[in-house]
PDB file of all heavy atoms in Angstrom:
ATOM      1  N   LYS A   1       0.846  -1.203   0.000  1.00  0.00           N
ATOM      2  CA  LYS A   1       0.000   0.000   0.000  1.00  0.00           C
ATOM      3  C   LYS A   1       0.879   1.249   0.000  1.00  0.00           C
ATOM      4  O   LYS A   1       0.604   2.212  -0.714  1.00  0.00           O
ATOM      5  CB  LYS A   1      -0.929   0.016   1.215  1.00  0.00           C
ATOM      6  CG  LYS A   1      -2.057  -0.979   1.150  1.00  0.00           C
ATOM      7  CD  LYS A   1      -2.886  -0.930   2.436  1.00  0.00           C
ATOM      8  CE  LYS A   1      -3.889  -2.054   2.482  1.00  0.00           C
ATOM      9  NZ  LYS A   1      -4.618  -2.101   3.754  1.00  0.00           N
ATOM     10  N   ASN A   2       1.930   1.228   0.802  1.00  0.00           N
ATOM     11  CA  ASN A   2       2.866   2.342   0.864  1.00  0.00           C
ATOM     12  C   ASN A   2       3.576   2.514  -0.488  1.00  0.00           C
ATOM     13  O   ASN A   2       3.761   3.632  -0.966  1.00  0.00           O
ATOM     14  CB  ASN A   2       3.882   2.131   1.993  1.00  0.00           C
ATOM     15  CG  ASN A   2       4.759   3.332   2.215  1.00  0.00           C
ATOM     16  OD1 ASN A   2       4.474   4.451   1.790  1.00  0.00           O
ATOM     17  ND2 ASN A   2       5.874   3.111   2.892  1.00  0.00           N
ATOM     18  N   ALA A   3       3.958   1.408  -1.104  1.00  0.00           N
ATOM     19  CA  ALA A   3       4.617   1.468  -2.414  1.00  0.00           C
ATOM     20  C   ALA A   3       3.684   2.083  -3.456  1.00  0.00           C
ATOM     21  O   ALA A   3       4.099   2.950  -4.242  1.00  0.00           O
ATOM     22  CB  ALA A   3       5.070   0.079  -2.842  1.00  0.00           C
ATOM     23  N   LYS A   4       2.413   1.651  -3.464  1.00  0.00           N
ATOM     24  CA  LYS A   4       1.449   2.230  -4.411  1.00  0.00           C
ATOM     25  C   LYS A   4       1.288   3.730  -4.181  1.00  0.00           C
ATOM     26  O   LYS A   4       1.229   4.510  -5.130  1.00  0.00           O
ATOM     27  CB  LYS A   4       0.086   1.539  -4.265  1.00  0.00           C
ATOM     28  CG  LYS A   4      -0.060   0.268  -5.045  1.00  0.00           C
ATOM     29  CD  LYS A   4      -1.430  -0.350  -4.872  1.00  0.00           C
ATOM     30  CE  LYS A   4      -2.463   0.307  -5.755  1.00  0.00           C
ATOM     31  NZ  LYS A   4      -3.730  -0.442  -5.813  1.00  0.00           N
ATOM     32  N   LYS A   5       1.244   4.123  -2.916  1.00  0.00           N
ATOM     33  CA  LYS A   5       1.121   5.545  -2.571  1.00  0.00           C
ATOM     34  C   LYS A   5       2.327   6.325  -3.100  1.00  0.00           C
ATOM     35  O   LYS A   5       2.171   7.399  -3.690  1.00  0.00           O
ATOM     36  CB  LYS A   5       1.007   5.696  -1.056  1.00  0.00           C
ATOM     37  CG  LYS A   5       0.920   7.125  -0.570  1.00  0.00           C
ATOM     38  CD  LYS A   5       0.795   7.146   0.962  1.00  0.00           C
ATOM     39  CE  LYS A   5       0.742   8.550   1.490  1.00  0.00           C
ATOM     40  NZ  LYS A   5       2.027   9.078   1.874  1.00  0.00           N
ATOM     41  N   GLN A   6       3.521   5.770  -2.908  1.00  0.00           N
ATOM     42  CA  GLN A   6       4.717   6.456  -3.385  1.00  0.00           C
ATOM     43  C   GLN A   6       4.769   6.521  -4.912  1.00  0.00           C
ATOM     44  O   GLN A   6       5.201   7.519  -5.478  1.00  0.00           O
ATOM     45  CB  GLN A   6       5.979   5.809  -2.801  1.00  0.00           C
ATOM     46  CG  GLN A   6       6.126   6.109  -1.318  1.00  0.00           C
ATOM     47  CD  GLN A   6       7.410   5.590  -0.722  1.00  0.00           C
ATOM     48  OE1 GLN A   6       8.470   5.712  -1.318  1.00  0.00           O
ATOM     49  NE2 GLN A   6       7.311   5.015   0.472  1.00  0.00           N
ATOM     50  N   PHE A   7       4.298   5.471  -5.589  1.00  0.00           N
ATOM     51  CA  PHE A   7       4.233   5.519  -7.054  1.00  0.00           C
ATOM     52  C   PHE A   7       3.256   6.606  -7.500  1.00  0.00           C
ATOM     53  O   PHE A   7       3.542   7.356  -8.436  1.00  0.00           O
ATOM     54  CB  PHE A   7       3.833   4.159  -7.639  1.00  0.00           C
ATOM     55  CG  PHE A   7       5.006   3.305  -8.015  1.00  0.00           C
ATOM     56  CD1 PHE A   7       5.525   2.393  -7.107  1.00  0.00           C
ATOM     57  CD2 PHE A   7       5.612   3.418  -9.253  1.00  0.00           C
ATOM     58  CE1 PHE A   7       6.618   1.609  -7.431  1.00  0.00           C
ATOM     59  CE2 PHE A   7       6.705   2.640  -9.595  1.00  0.00           C
ATOM     60  CZ  PHE A   7       7.205   1.735  -8.682  1.00  0.00           C
ATOM     61  N   ALA A   8       2.103   6.697  -6.842  1.00  0.00           N
ATOM     62  CA  ALA A   8       1.134   7.740  -7.180  1.00  0.00           C
ATOM     63  C   ALA A   8       1.750   9.129  -6.977  1.00  0.00           C
ATOM     64  O   ALA A   8       1.569  10.027  -7.810  1.00  0.00           O
ATOM     65  CB  ALA A   8      -0.131   7.582  -6.347  1.00  0.00           C
ATOM     66  N   GLU A   9       2.479   9.296  -5.886  1.00  0.00           N
ATOM     67  CA  GLU A   9       3.141  10.582  -5.630  1.00  0.00           C
ATOM     68  C   GLU A   9       4.246  10.848  -6.648  1.00  0.00           C
ATOM     69  O   GLU A   9       4.424  11.974  -7.080  1.00  0.00           O
ATOM     70  CB  GLU A   9       3.706  10.603  -4.204  1.00  0.00           C
ATOM     71  CG  GLU A   9       2.625  10.665  -3.149  1.00  0.00           C
ATOM     72  CD  GLU A   9       3.143  10.466  -1.732  1.00  0.00           C
ATOM     73  OE1 GLU A   9       4.335  10.083  -1.555  1.00  0.00           O
ATOM     74  OE2 GLU A   9       2.355  10.681  -0.795  1.00  0.00           O
ATOM     75  N   TYR A  10       4.973   9.816  -7.047  1.00  0.00           N
ATOM     76  CA  TYR A  10       6.018   9.984  -8.064  1.00  0.00           C
ATOM     77  C   TYR A  10       5.399  10.466  -9.371  1.00  0.00           C
ATOM     78  O   TYR A  10       5.846  11.450  -9.959  1.00  0.00           O
ATOM     79  CB  TYR A  10       6.789   8.667  -8.281  1.00  0.00           C
ATOM     80  CG  TYR A  10       7.750   8.753  -9.447  1.00  0.00           C
ATOM     81  CD1 TYR A  10       8.991   9.347  -9.292  1.00  0.00           C
ATOM     82  CD2 TYR A  10       7.393   8.276 -10.702  1.00  0.00           C
ATOM     83  CE1 TYR A  10       9.867   9.468 -10.364  1.00  0.00           C
ATOM     84  CE2 TYR A  10       8.262   8.383 -11.776  1.00  0.00           C
ATOM     85  CZ  TYR A  10       9.494   8.979 -11.601  1.00  0.00           C
ATOM     86  OH  TYR A  10      10.355   9.103 -12.676  1.00  0.00           O
ATOM     87  N   PHE A  11       4.373   9.769  -9.841  1.00  0.00           N
ATOM     88  CA  PHE A  11       3.753  10.152 -11.109  1.00  0.00           C
ATOM     89  C   PHE A  11       3.007  11.475 -10.996  1.00  0.00           C
ATOM     90  O   PHE A  11       2.765  12.134 -11.994  1.00  0.00           O
ATOM     91  CB  PHE A  11       2.849   9.032 -11.639  1.00  0.00           C
ATOM     92  CG  PHE A  11       3.622   7.895 -12.241  1.00  0.00           C
ATOM     93  CD1 PHE A  11       3.699   6.679 -11.594  1.00  0.00           C
ATOM     94  CD2 PHE A  11       4.309   8.045 -13.435  1.00  0.00           C
ATOM     95  CE1 PHE A  11       4.434   5.626 -12.131  1.00  0.00           C
ATOM     96  CE2 PHE A  11       5.043   7.018 -13.989  1.00  0.00           C
ATOM     97  CZ  PHE A  11       5.108   5.799 -13.328  1.00  0.00           C
ATOM     98  N   GLY A  12       2.675  11.888  -9.776  1.00  0.00           N
ATOM     99  CA  GLY A  12       2.060  13.188  -9.540  1.00  0.00           C
ATOM    100  C   GLY A  12       3.083  14.295  -9.340  1.00  0.00           C
ATOM    101  O   GLY A  12       2.716  15.449  -9.099  1.00  0.00           O
ATOM    102  N   GLY A  13       4.368  13.954  -9.419  1.00  0.00           N
ATOM    103  CA  GLY A  13       5.426  14.952  -9.303  1.00  0.00           C
ATOM    104  C   GLY A  13       5.803  15.317  -7.882  1.00  0.00           C
ATOM    105  O   GLY A  13       6.548  16.275  -7.659  1.00  0.00           O
ATOM    106  N   LYS A  14       5.316  14.557  -6.903  1.00  0.00           N
ATOM    107  CA  LYS A  14       5.579  14.900  -5.500  1.00  0.00           C
ATOM    108  C   LYS A  14       6.676  14.046  -4.862  1.00  0.00           C
ATOM    109  O   LYS A  14       7.395  14.526  -4.004  1.00  0.00           O
ATOM    110  CB  LYS A  14       4.296  14.775  -4.686  1.00  0.00           C
ATOM    111  CG  LYS A  14       3.264  15.796  -5.099  1.00  0.00           C
ATOM    112  CD  LYS A  14       1.991  15.651  -4.310  1.00  0.00           C
ATOM    113  CE  LYS A  14       1.009  16.712  -4.768  1.00  0.00           C
ATOM    114  NZ  LYS A  14      -0.327  16.246  -4.864  1.00  0.00           N
ATOM    115  N   CYS A  15       6.793  12.797  -5.227  1.00  0.00           N
ATOM    116  CA  CYS A  15       7.805  11.902  -4.650  1.00  0.00           C
ATOM    117  C   CYS A  15       9.073  11.997  -5.491  1.00  0.00           C
ATOM    118  O   CYS A  15       9.073  11.661  -6.666  1.00  0.00           O
ATOM    119  CB  CYS A  15       7.289  10.463  -4.635  1.00  0.00           C
ATOM    120  SG  CYS A  15       8.490   9.258  -4.037  1.00  0.00           S
ATOM    121  N   LYS A  16      10.146  12.464  -4.874  1.00  0.00           N
ATOM    122  CA  LYS A  16      11.424  12.611  -5.575  1.00  0.00           C
ATOM    123  C   LYS A  16      12.358  11.436  -5.281  1.00  0.00           C
ATOM    124  O   LYS A  16      13.245  11.134  -6.060  1.00  0.00           O
ATOM    125  CB  LYS A  16      12.120  13.917  -5.176  1.00  0.00           C
ATOM    126  CG  LYS A  16      11.246  15.155  -5.257  1.00  0.00           C
ATOM    127  CD  LYS A  16      10.816  15.496  -6.656  1.00  0.00           C
ATOM    128  CE  LYS A  16      10.144  16.850  -6.694  1.00  0.00           C
ATOM    129  NZ  LYS A  16       8.989  16.959  -7.497  1.00  0.00           N
ATOM    130  N   VAL A  17      12.165  10.799  -4.126  1.00  0.00           N
ATOM    131  CA  VAL A  17      12.979   9.646  -3.712  1.00  0.00           C
ATOM    132  C   VAL A  17      12.044   8.632  -3.060  1.00  0.00           C
ATOM    133  O   VAL A  17      11.299   8.980  -2.141  1.00  0.00           O
ATOM    134  CB  VAL A  17      14.076  10.066  -2.693  1.00  0.00           C
ATOM    135  CG1 VAL A  17      14.860   8.849  -2.218  1.00  0.00           C
ATOM    136  CG2 VAL A  17      14.999  11.111  -3.278  1.00  0.00           C
ATOM    137  N   PHE A  18      12.080   7.411  -3.534  1.00  0.00           N
ATOM    138  CA  PHE A  18      11.280   6.356  -2.913  1.00  0.00           C
ATOM    139  C   PHE A  18      11.912   5.967  -1.588  1.00  0.00           C
ATOM    140  O   PHE A  18      13.136   5.900  -1.467  1.00  0.00           O
ATOM    141  CB  PHE A  18      11.199   5.130  -3.831  1.00  0.00           C
ATOM    142  CG  PHE A  18      10.316   5.327  -5.026  1.00  0.00           C
ATOM    143  CD1 PHE A  18      10.804   5.906  -6.183  1.00  0.00           C
ATOM    144  CD2 PHE A  18       8.987   4.939  -4.990  1.00  0.00           C
ATOM    145  CE1 PHE A  18       9.993   6.098  -7.297  1.00  0.00           C
ATOM    146  CE2 PHE A  18       8.158   5.125  -6.086  1.00  0.00           C
ATOM    147  CZ  PHE A  18       8.664   5.702  -7.242  1.00  0.00           C
ATOM    148  N   ASP A  19      11.068   5.731  -0.592  1.00  0.00           N
ATOM    149  CA  ASP A  19      11.535   5.324   0.729  1.00  0.00           C
ATOM    150  C   ASP A  19      10.886   3.983   1.069  1.00  0.00           C
ATOM    151  O   ASP A  19       9.861   3.927   1.748  1.00  0.00           O
ATOM    152  CB  ASP A  19      11.188   6.389   1.772  1.00  0.00           C
ATOM    153  CG  ASP A  19      11.718   6.053   3.150  1.00  0.00           C
ATOM    154  OD1 ASP A  19      12.652   5.235   3.261  1.00  0.00           O
ATOM    155  OD2 ASP A  19      11.179   6.605   4.137  1.00  0.00           O
ATOM    156  N   LEU A  20      11.478   2.925   0.535  1.00  0.00           N
ATOM    157  CA  LEU A  20      10.946   1.579   0.704  1.00  0.00           C
ATOM    158  C   LEU A  20      12.096   0.615   0.962  1.00  0.00           C
ATOM    159  O   LEU A  20      13.188   0.796   0.414  1.00  0.00           O
ATOM    160  CB  LEU A  20      10.218   1.127  -0.578  1.00  0.00           C
ATOM    161  CG  LEU A  20       9.024   1.956  -1.024  1.00  0.00           C
ATOM    162  CD1 LEU A  20       8.669   1.641  -2.468  1.00  0.00           C
ATOM    163  CD2 LEU A  20       7.840   1.699  -0.103  1.00  0.00           C
ATOM    164  N   PRO A  21      11.873  -0.431   1.754  1.00  0.00           N
ATOM    165  CA  PRO A  21      12.919  -1.444   1.894  1.00  0.00           C
ATOM    166  C   PRO A  21      13.034  -2.224   0.579  1.00  0.00           C
ATOM    167  O   PRO A  21      12.024  -2.628   0.001  1.00  0.00           O
ATOM    168  CB  PRO A  21      12.415  -2.334   3.036  1.00  0.00           C
ATOM    169  CG  PRO A  21      10.942  -2.106   3.096  1.00  0.00           C
ATOM    170  CD  PRO A  21      10.702  -0.721   2.570  1.00  0.00           C
ATOM    171  N   LEU A  22      14.258  -2.406   0.115  1.00  0.00           N
ATOM    172  CA  LEU A  22      14.503  -3.071  -1.165  1.00  0.00           C
ATOM    173  C   LEU A  22      15.372  -4.299  -0.949  1.00  0.00           C
ATOM    174  O   LEU A  22      16.230  -4.310  -0.078  1.00  0.00           O
ATOM    175  CB  LEU A  22      15.219  -2.124  -2.137  1.00  0.00           C
ATOM    176  CG  LEU A  22      14.591  -0.747  -2.350  1.00  0.00           C
ATOM    177  CD1 LEU A  22      15.470   0.087  -3.268  1.00  0.00           C
ATOM    178  CD2 LEU A  22      13.175  -0.870  -2.890  1.00  0.00           C
ATOM    179  N   ASN A  23      15.161  -5.313  -1.780  1.00  0.00           N
ATOM    180  CA  ASN A  23      16.016  -6.486  -1.749  1.00  0.00           C
ATOM    181  C   ASN A  23      16.287  -6.906  -3.186  1.00  0.00           C
ATOM    182  O   ASN A  23      15.364  -7.083  -3.967  1.00  0.00           O
ATOM    183  CB  ASN A  23      15.382  -7.628  -0.968  1.00  0.00           C
ATOM    184  CG  ASN A  23      16.417  -8.671  -0.598  1.00  0.00           C
ATOM    185  OD1 ASN A  23      17.287  -9.018  -1.388  1.00  0.00           O
ATOM    186  ND2 ASN A  23      16.321  -9.162   0.615  1.00  0.00           N
ATOM    187  N   PHE A  24      17.556  -7.060  -3.507  1.00  0.00           N
ATOM    188  CA  PHE A  24      17.973  -7.414  -4.856  1.00  0.00           C
ATOM    189  C   PHE A  24      18.247  -8.917  -4.946  1.00  0.00           C
ATOM    190  O   PHE A  24      19.366  -9.333  -5.205  1.00  0.00           O
ATOM    191  CB  PHE A  24      19.213  -6.601  -5.247  1.00  0.00           C
ATOM    192  CG  PHE A  24      18.968  -5.126  -5.257  1.00  0.00           C
ATOM    193  CD1 PHE A  24      19.401  -4.329  -4.208  1.00  0.00           C
ATOM    194  CD2 PHE A  24      18.291  -4.525  -6.300  1.00  0.00           C
ATOM    195  CE1 PHE A  24      19.167  -2.959  -4.213  1.00  0.00           C
ATOM    196  CE2 PHE A  24      18.046  -3.162  -6.311  1.00  0.00           C
ATOM    197  CZ  PHE A  24      18.479  -2.382  -5.273  1.00  0.00           C
ATOM    198  N   TYR A  25      17.207  -9.727  -4.741  1.00  0.00           N
ATOM    199  CA  TYR A  25      17.332 -11.185  -4.806  1.00  0.00           C
ATOM    200  C   TYR A  25      17.915 -11.599  -6.150  1.00  0.00           C
ATOM    201  O   TYR A  25      17.493 -11.122  -7.202  1.00  0.00           O
ATOM    202  CB  TYR A  25      15.958 -11.860  -4.653  1.00  0.00           C
ATOM    203  CG  TYR A  25      15.373 -11.768  -3.275  1.00  0.00           C
ATOM    204  CD1 TYR A  25      14.380 -10.850  -2.977  1.00  0.00           C
ATOM    205  CD2 TYR A  25      15.815 -12.609  -2.263  1.00  0.00           C
ATOM    206  CE1 TYR A  25      13.836 -10.771  -1.708  1.00  0.00           C
ATOM    207  CE2 TYR A  25      15.284 -12.544  -0.991  1.00  0.00           C
ATOM    208  CZ  TYR A  25      14.288 -11.620  -0.721  1.00  0.00           C
ATOM    209  OH  TYR A  25      13.761 -11.535   0.540  1.00  0.00           O
ATOM    210  N   GLY A  26      18.907 -12.473  -6.115  1.00  0.00           N
ATOM    211  CA  GLY A  26      19.447 -13.046  -7.339  1.00  0.00           C
ATOM    212  C   GLY A  26      20.402 -12.155  -8.113  1.00  0.00           C
ATOM    213  O   GLY A  26      20.843 -12.540  -9.193  1.00  0.00           O
ATOM    214  N   CYS A  27      20.716 -10.989  -7.610  1.00  0.00           N
ATOM    215  CA  CYS A  27      21.612 -10.073  -8.315  1.00  0.00           C
ATOM    216  C   CYS A  27      23.047 -10.292  -7.865  1.00  0.00           C
ATOM    217  O   CYS A  27      23.309 -10.601  -6.703  1.00  0.00           O
ATOM    218  CB  CYS A  27      21.211  -8.625  -8.049  1.00  0.00           C
ATOM    219  SG  CYS A  27      19.584  -8.205  -8.695  1.00  0.00           S
ATOM    220  N   THR A  28      23.983 -10.108  -8.784  1.00  0.00           N
ATOM    221  CA  THR A  28      25.403 -10.238  -8.448  1.00  0.00           C
ATOM    222  C   THR A  28      25.852  -9.019  -7.648  1.00  0.00           C
ATOM    223  O   THR A  28      25.161  -7.989  -7.619  1.00  0.00           O
ATOM    224  CB  THR A  28      26.258 -10.328  -9.721  1.00  0.00           C
ATOM    225  OG1 THR A  28      26.177  -9.074 -10.422  1.00  0.00           O
ATOM    226  CG2 THR A  28      25.808 -11.469 -10.625  1.00  0.00           C
ATOM    227  N   GLU A  29      27.018  -9.124  -7.041  1.00  0.00           N
ATOM    228  CA  GLU A  29      27.570  -7.995  -6.284  1.00  0.00           C
ATOM    229  C   GLU A  29      27.817  -6.803  -7.207  1.00  0.00           C
ATOM    230  O   GLU A  29      27.597  -5.661  -6.813  1.00  0.00           O
ATOM    231  CB  GLU A  29      28.853  -8.406  -5.551  1.00  0.00           C
ATOM    232  CG  GLU A  29      28.607  -9.352  -4.384  1.00  0.00           C
ATOM    233  CD  GLU A  29      27.596  -8.828  -3.362  1.00  0.00           C
ATOM    234  OE1 GLU A  29      27.691  -7.650  -2.962  1.00  0.00           O
ATOM    235  OE2 GLU A  29      26.692  -9.595  -2.966  1.00  0.00           O
ATOM    236  N   PHE A  30      28.273  -7.063  -8.429  1.00  0.00           N
ATOM    237  CA  PHE A  30      28.479  -5.966  -9.376  1.00  0.00           C
ATOM    238  C   PHE A  30      27.157  -5.257  -9.674  1.00  0.00           C
ATOM    239  O   PHE A  30      27.073  -4.029  -9.651  1.00  0.00           O
ATOM    240  CB  PHE A  30      29.106  -6.473 -10.684  1.00  0.00           C
ATOM    241  CG  PHE A  30      29.257  -5.384 -11.716  1.00  0.00           C
ATOM    242  CD1 PHE A  30      30.292  -4.463 -11.632  1.00  0.00           C
ATOM    243  CD2 PHE A  30      28.346  -5.261 -12.770  1.00  0.00           C
ATOM    244  CE1 PHE A  30      30.425  -3.442 -12.562  1.00  0.00           C
ATOM    245  CE2 PHE A  30      28.468  -4.245 -13.702  1.00  0.00           C
ATOM    246  CZ  PHE A  30      29.512  -3.334 -13.598  1.00  0.00           C
ATOM    247  N   MET A  31      26.116  -6.026  -9.939  1.00  0.00           N
ATOM    248  CA  MET A  31      24.809  -5.435 -10.217  1.00  0.00           C
ATOM    249  C   MET A  31      24.340  -4.588  -9.034  1.00  0.00           C
ATOM    250  O   MET A  31      23.873  -3.460  -9.218  1.00  0.00           O
ATOM    251  CB  MET A  31      23.781  -6.526 -10.538  1.00  0.00           C
ATOM    252  CG  MET A  31      24.061  -7.259 -11.839  1.00  0.00           C
ATOM    253  SD  MET A  31      23.101  -8.777 -12.020  1.00  0.00           S
ATOM    254  CE  MET A  31      21.521  -8.132 -12.504  1.00  0.00           C
ATOM    255  N   LYS A  32      24.488  -5.119  -7.825  1.00  0.00           N
ATOM    256  CA  LYS A  32      24.079  -4.376  -6.629  1.00  0.00           C
ATOM    257  C   LYS A  32      24.858  -3.068  -6.507  1.00  0.00           C
ATOM    258  O   LYS A  32      24.285  -2.038  -6.137  1.00  0.00           O
ATOM    259  CB  LYS A  32      24.277  -5.230  -5.373  1.00  0.00           C
ATOM    260  CG  LYS A  32      23.317  -6.393  -5.270  1.00  0.00           C
ATOM    261  CD  LYS A  32      23.638  -7.252  -4.051  1.00  0.00           C
ATOM    262  CE  LYS A  32      22.825  -8.525  -4.037  1.00  0.00           C
ATOM    263  NZ  LYS A  32      23.164  -9.393  -2.897  1.00  0.00           N
ATOM    264  N   SER A  33      26.157  -3.096  -6.846  1.00  0.00           N
ATOM    265  CA  SER A  33      26.945  -1.862  -6.770  1.00  0.00           C
ATOM    266  C   SER A  33      26.448  -0.846  -7.800  1.00  0.00           C
ATOM    267  O   SER A  33      26.399   0.355  -7.519  1.00  0.00           O
ATOM    268  CB  SER A  33      28.440  -2.144  -6.947  1.00  0.00           C
ATOM    269  OG  SER A  33      28.750  -2.549  -8.260  1.00  0.00           O
ATOM    270  N   VAL A  34      26.055  -1.315  -8.970  1.00  0.00           N
ATOM    271  CA  VAL A  34      25.485  -0.422  -9.987  1.00  0.00           C
ATOM    272  C   VAL A  34      24.176   0.172  -9.472  1.00  0.00           C
ATOM    273  O   VAL A  34      23.957   1.386  -9.560  1.00  0.00           O
ATOM    274  CB  VAL A  34      25.268  -1.165 -11.324  1.00  0.00           C
ATOM    275  CG1 VAL A  34      24.434  -0.322 -12.293  1.00  0.00           C
ATOM    276  CG2 VAL A  34      26.608  -1.535 -11.960  1.00  0.00           C
ATOM    277  N   TYR A  35      23.313  -0.646  -8.902  1.00  0.00           N
ATOM    278  CA  TYR A  35      22.021  -0.158  -8.417  1.00  0.00           C
ATOM    279  C   TYR A  35      22.193   0.856  -7.291  1.00  0.00           C
ATOM    280  O   TYR A  35      21.451   1.841  -7.221  1.00  0.00           O
ATOM    281  CB  TYR A  35      21.122  -1.319  -7.979  1.00  0.00           C
ATOM    282  CG  TYR A  35      20.895  -2.336  -9.082  1.00  0.00           C
ATOM    283  CD1 TYR A  35      20.726  -3.678  -8.793  1.00  0.00           C
ATOM    284  CD2 TYR A  35      20.873  -1.958 -10.423  1.00  0.00           C
ATOM    285  CE1 TYR A  35      20.530  -4.613  -9.791  1.00  0.00           C
ATOM    286  CE2 TYR A  35      20.683  -2.889 -11.433  1.00  0.00           C
ATOM    287  CZ  TYR A  35      20.514  -4.215 -11.111  1.00  0.00           C
ATOM    288  OH  TYR A  35      20.328  -5.135 -12.106  1.00  0.00           O
ATOM    289  N   GLN A  36      23.183   0.641  -6.436  1.00  0.00           N
ATOM    290  CA  GLN A  36      23.448   1.609  -5.367  1.00  0.00           C
ATOM    291  C   GLN A  36      23.879   2.954  -5.966  1.00  0.00           C
ATOM    292  O   GLN A  36      23.497   4.006  -5.457  1.00  0.00           O
ATOM    293  CB  GLN A  36      24.510   1.072  -4.397  1.00  0.00           C
ATOM    294  CG  GLN A  36      24.022  -0.092  -3.540  1.00  0.00           C
ATOM    295  CD  GLN A  36      22.770   0.229  -2.746  1.00  0.00           C
ATOM    296  OE1 GLN A  36      22.644   1.290  -2.155  1.00  0.00           O
ATOM    297  NE2 GLN A  36      21.812  -0.687  -2.744  1.00  0.00           N
ATOM    298  N   GLU A  37      24.650   2.922  -7.053  1.00  0.00           N
ATOM    299  CA  GLU A  37      25.043   4.173  -7.722  1.00  0.00           C
ATOM    300  C   GLU A  37      23.852   4.834  -8.410  1.00  0.00           C
ATOM    301  O   GLU A  37      23.726   6.059  -8.405  1.00  0.00           O
ATOM    302  CB  GLU A  37      26.177   3.931  -8.731  1.00  0.00           C
ATOM    303  CG  GLU A  37      27.516   3.750  -8.079  1.00  0.00           C
ATOM    304  CD  GLU A  37      27.930   4.904  -7.182  1.00  0.00           C
ATOM    305  OE1 GLU A  37      27.770   6.085  -7.576  1.00  0.00           O
ATOM    306  OE2 GLU A  37      28.413   4.632  -6.069  1.00  0.00           O
ATOM    307  N   LEU A  38      22.978   4.041  -8.983  1.00  0.00           N
ATOM    308  CA  LEU A  38      21.793   4.606  -9.634  1.00  0.00           C
ATOM    309  C   LEU A  38      20.923   5.339  -8.617  1.00  0.00           C
ATOM    310  O   LEU A  38      20.349   6.386  -8.929  1.00  0.00           O
ATOM    311  CB  LEU A  38      20.973   3.517 -10.335  1.00  0.00           C
ATOM    312  CG  LEU A  38      21.652   2.745 -11.465  1.00  0.00           C
ATOM    313  CD1 LEU A  38      20.681   1.750 -12.073  1.00  0.00           C
ATOM    314  CD2 LEU A  38      22.218   3.656 -12.518  1.00  0.00           C
ATOM    315  N   LEU A  39      20.845   4.786  -7.423  1.00  0.00           N
ATOM    316  CA  LEU A  39      20.044   5.422  -6.368  1.00  0.00           C
ATOM    317  C   LEU A  39      20.600   6.793  -5.975  1.00  0.00           C
ATOM    318  O   LEU A  39      19.879   7.615  -5.423  1.00  0.00           O
ATOM    319  CB  LEU A  39      19.966   4.519  -5.137  1.00  0.00           C
ATOM    320  CG  LEU A  39      19.081   3.281  -5.295  1.00  0.00           C
ATOM    321  CD1 LEU A  39      19.336   2.291  -4.164  1.00  0.00           C
ATOM    322  CD2 LEU A  39      17.616   3.677  -5.366  1.00  0.00           C
TER     323      LEU A  39
END
């Protein structure tokens, strides 16, 4: 529910940074390092 709310705020121009717990199941360490930089 919180994720849906944040998506609605993002598409409404209000959410600039998502604040959700994330888990990168199945991703390599290199991929995780890339995702941390993207964030």
